[in-house]
Amino acid sequence: MVENKQGVAILMHPQTKKSEVSFVSIKPTLTSTLLFIRNKGNHSKIENDFWNYLKQFEMPNWNNCGNR
């Protein structure tokens, strides 16, 4: 899409450099919180594996956010 002038892409690290595509480094000036939410109940092994993977990252305790 970028090559066809139909969009913009945000990449962590570009895999290739093409002369017809411009690459501009950006420096973040803001931070935000990304929340992962799921329903209570039974989940597949893949869902549980992903959920457990996410637990290794430091996250605020949002368990009481519904009580505000």
N, C-alpha and C. Protein backbone atom coordinates (compact mmCIF):
# COMPACT_ATOMS: atom_id res chain seq x y z
N MET A 1 0.83 -1.19 0.00
CA MET A 1 0.00 0.00 0.00
C MET A 1 0.88 1.26 0.00
N VAL A 2 1.96 1.22 0.76
CA VAL A 2 2.83 2.40 0.80
C VAL A 2 3.45 2.65 -0.57
N GLU A 3 3.94 1.58 -1.17
CA GLU A 3 4.55 1.72 -2.50
C GLU A 3 3.58 2.29 -3.53
N ASN A 4 2.30 1.96 -3.39
CA ASN A 4 1.28 2.42 -4.34
C ASN A 4 0.64 3.74 -3.92
N LYS A 5 1.26 4.41 -2.93
CA LYS A 5 0.76 5.70 -2.43
C LYS A 5 -0.68 5.61 -1.92
N GLN A 6 -0.98 4.50 -1.23
CA GLN A 6 -2.32 4.29 -0.71
C GLN A 6 -2.36 4.22 0.81
N GLY A 7 -1.24 4.49 1.47
CA GLY A 7 -1.27 4.41 2.91
C GLY A 7 0.08 4.68 3.55
N VAL A 8 0.09 4.56 4.86
CA VAL A 8 1.27 4.76 5.69
C VAL A 8 1.46 3.52 6.53
N ALA A 9 2.69 3.14 6.80
CA ALA A 9 2.96 1.98 7.64
C ALA A 9 3.86 2.41 8.79
N ILE A 10 3.57 1.92 9.98
CA ILE A 10 4.43 2.13 11.13
C ILE A 10 5.11 0.80 11.41
N LEU A 11 6.43 0.79 11.36
CA LEU A 11 7.22 -0.42 11.51
C LEU A 11 8.15 -0.30 12.70
N MET A 12 8.40 -1.41 13.37
CA MET A 12 9.39 -1.40 14.44
C MET A 12 10.78 -1.21 13.83
N HIS A 13 11.12 -2.02 12.87
CA HIS A 13 12.39 -1.93 12.14
C HIS A 13 12.11 -2.39 10.72
N PRO A 14 12.35 -1.53 9.74
CA PRO A 14 12.11 -1.97 8.35
C PRO A 14 13.03 -3.12 7.97
N GLN A 15 12.49 -4.10 7.27
CA GLN A 15 13.27 -5.27 6.86
C GLN A 15 14.17 -4.93 5.67
N THR A 16 13.71 -4.04 4.82
CA THR A 16 14.49 -3.66 3.64
C THR A 16 14.39 -2.16 3.45
N LYS A 17 15.33 -1.62 2.77
CA LYS A 17 15.30 -0.19 2.42
C LYS A 17 15.08 -0.11 0.91
N LYS A 18 14.06 0.61 0.48
CA LYS A 18 13.77 0.78 -0.94
C LYS A 18 13.92 2.26 -1.26
N SER A 19 14.56 2.56 -2.35
CA SER A 19 14.80 3.96 -2.71
C SER A 19 13.51 4.71 -3.03
N GLU A 20 12.46 4.01 -3.46
CA GLU A 20 11.21 4.68 -3.81
C GLU A 20 10.28 4.88 -2.60
N VAL A 21 10.70 4.41 -1.41
CA VAL A 21 9.89 4.55 -0.20
C VAL A 21 10.70 5.36 0.81
N SER A 22 10.07 6.34 1.45
CA SER A 22 10.74 7.15 2.47
C SER A 22 10.57 6.52 3.84
N PHE A 23 11.65 6.47 4.60
CA PHE A 23 11.63 5.97 5.97
C PHE A 23 11.96 7.14 6.89
N VAL A 24 11.09 7.42 7.87
CA VAL A 24 11.28 8.52 8.80
C VAL A 24 11.23 7.97 10.21
N SER A 25 12.29 8.18 10.97
CA SER A 25 12.30 7.76 12.37
C SER A 25 11.43 8.70 13.19
N ILE A 26 10.70 8.13 14.15
CA ILE A 26 9.90 8.96 15.04
C ILE A 26 10.33 8.68 16.47
N LYS A 27 10.25 9.70 17.29
CA LYS A 27 10.56 9.56 18.71
C LYS A 27 9.26 9.76 19.48
N PRO A 28 8.85 8.74 20.23
CA PRO A 28 7.59 8.86 20.97
C PRO A 28 7.68 9.97 22.03
N THR A 29 6.63 10.74 22.16
CA THR A 29 6.57 11.78 23.17
C THR A 29 5.48 11.49 24.21
N LEU A 30 4.66 10.51 23.96
CA LEU A 30 3.60 10.13 24.88
C LEU A 30 3.63 8.63 25.12
N THR A 31 3.08 8.20 26.21
CA THR A 31 2.91 6.77 26.46
C THR A 31 1.43 6.51 26.69
N SER A 32 1.03 5.28 26.51
CA SER A 32 -0.35 4.90 26.76
C SER A 32 -0.37 3.49 27.33
N THR A 33 -1.53 3.08 27.77
CA THR A 33 -1.70 1.75 28.34
C THR A 33 -2.56 0.93 27.40
N LEU A 34 -2.10 -0.26 27.11
CA LEU A 34 -2.84 -1.20 26.27
C LEU A 34 -3.40 -2.28 27.18
N LEU A 35 -4.71 -2.47 27.15
CA LEU A 35 -5.36 -3.46 28.00
C LEU A 35 -5.78 -4.67 27.19
N PHE A 36 -5.56 -5.83 27.75
CA PHE A 36 -6.05 -7.08 27.16
C PHE A 36 -7.13 -7.60 28.09
N ILE A 37 -8.30 -7.84 27.55
CA ILE A 37 -9.47 -8.24 28.33
C ILE A 37 -10.06 -9.49 27.72
N ARG A 38 -10.50 -10.41 28.56
CA ARG A 38 -11.19 -11.59 28.06
C ARG A 38 -12.30 -11.98 29.01
N ASN A 39 -13.27 -12.72 28.50
CA ASN A 39 -14.39 -13.19 29.31
C ASN A 39 -13.90 -14.26 30.27
N LYS A 40 -14.58 -14.34 31.42
CA LYS A 40 -14.30 -15.42 32.36
C LYS A 40 -14.83 -16.72 31.77
N GLY A 41 -14.22 -17.82 32.14
CA GLY A 41 -14.71 -19.10 31.67
C GLY A 41 -13.62 -19.94 31.04
N ASN A 42 -14.04 -20.92 30.28
CA ASN A 42 -13.09 -21.84 29.64
C ASN A 42 -12.48 -21.19 28.40
N HIS A 43 -11.18 -21.45 28.21
CA HIS A 43 -10.46 -20.91 27.07
C HIS A 43 -9.61 -22.02 26.46
N SER A 44 -9.28 -21.85 25.20
CA SER A 44 -8.43 -22.84 24.53
C SER A 44 -7.01 -22.75 25.08
N LYS A 45 -6.21 -23.76 24.79
CA LYS A 45 -4.82 -23.77 25.22
C LYS A 45 -4.07 -22.58 24.65
N ILE A 46 -4.32 -22.24 23.40
CA ILE A 46 -3.63 -21.10 22.78
C ILE A 46 -4.00 -19.80 23.49
N GLU A 47 -5.28 -19.63 23.80
CA GLU A 47 -5.71 -18.42 24.52
C GLU A 47 -5.03 -18.34 25.88
N ASN A 48 -4.99 -19.46 26.59
CA ASN A 48 -4.35 -19.48 27.90
C ASN A 48 -2.84 -19.24 27.79
N ASP A 49 -2.20 -19.82 26.79
CA ASP A 49 -0.77 -19.60 26.59
C ASP A 49 -0.48 -18.13 26.33
N PHE A 50 -1.29 -17.49 25.49
CA PHE A 50 -1.10 -16.07 25.20
C PHE A 50 -1.34 -15.24 26.46
N TRP A 51 -2.39 -15.57 27.19
CA TRP A 51 -2.71 -14.84 28.42
C TRP A 51 -1.56 -14.94 29.42
N ASN A 52 -1.02 -16.14 29.56
CA ASN A 52 0.11 -16.34 30.48
C ASN A 52 1.36 -15.62 29.99
N TYR A 53 1.56 -15.56 28.69
CA TYR A 53 2.67 -14.80 28.12
C TYR A 53 2.55 -13.32 28.49
N LEU A 54 1.33 -12.77 28.39
CA LEU A 54 1.12 -11.37 28.71
C LEU A 54 1.39 -11.06 30.18
N LYS A 55 1.18 -12.02 31.04
CA LYS A 55 1.36 -11.81 32.48
C LYS A 55 2.81 -11.49 32.86
N GLN A 56 3.76 -11.80 32.00
CA GLN A 56 5.16 -11.55 32.34
C GLN A 56 5.50 -10.06 32.27
N PHE A 57 4.65 -9.25 31.65
CA PHE A 57 4.91 -7.83 31.52
C PHE A 57 4.27 -7.08 32.69
N GLU A 58 4.92 -6.03 33.11
CA GLU A 58 4.41 -5.24 34.22
C GLU A 58 3.15 -4.52 33.78
N MET A 59 2.06 -4.74 34.50
CA MET A 59 0.80 -4.10 34.18
C MET A 59 0.16 -3.57 35.45
N PRO A 60 -0.52 -2.44 35.35
CA PRO A 60 -1.24 -1.95 36.53
C PRO A 60 -2.40 -2.88 36.87
N ASN A 61 -2.83 -2.85 38.09
CA ASN A 61 -3.96 -3.68 38.52
C ASN A 61 -5.26 -2.96 38.16
N TRP A 62 -5.92 -3.42 37.13
CA TRP A 62 -7.16 -2.80 36.65
C TRP A 62 -8.38 -3.61 37.08
N ASN A 63 -8.21 -4.56 38.01
CA ASN A 63 -9.33 -5.43 38.39
C ASN A 63 -10.50 -4.66 38.98
N ASN A 64 -10.25 -3.49 39.55
CA ASN A 64 -11.32 -2.74 40.16
C ASN A 64 -11.79 -1.56 39.31
N CYS A 65 -11.43 -1.53 38.03
CA CYS A 65 -11.76 -0.36 37.20
C CYS A 65 -13.27 -0.24 36.98
N GLY A 66 -14.03 -1.31 37.10
CA GLY A 66 -15.48 -1.24 36.92
C GLY A 66 -16.19 -0.62 38.10
N ASN A 67 -15.48 -0.43 39.21
CA ASN A 67 -16.09 0.11 40.41
C ASN A 67 -15.96 1.63 40.50
N ARG A 68 -15.46 2.28 39.48
CA ARG A 68 -15.28 3.74 39.55
C ARG A 68 -16.54 4.48 39.24
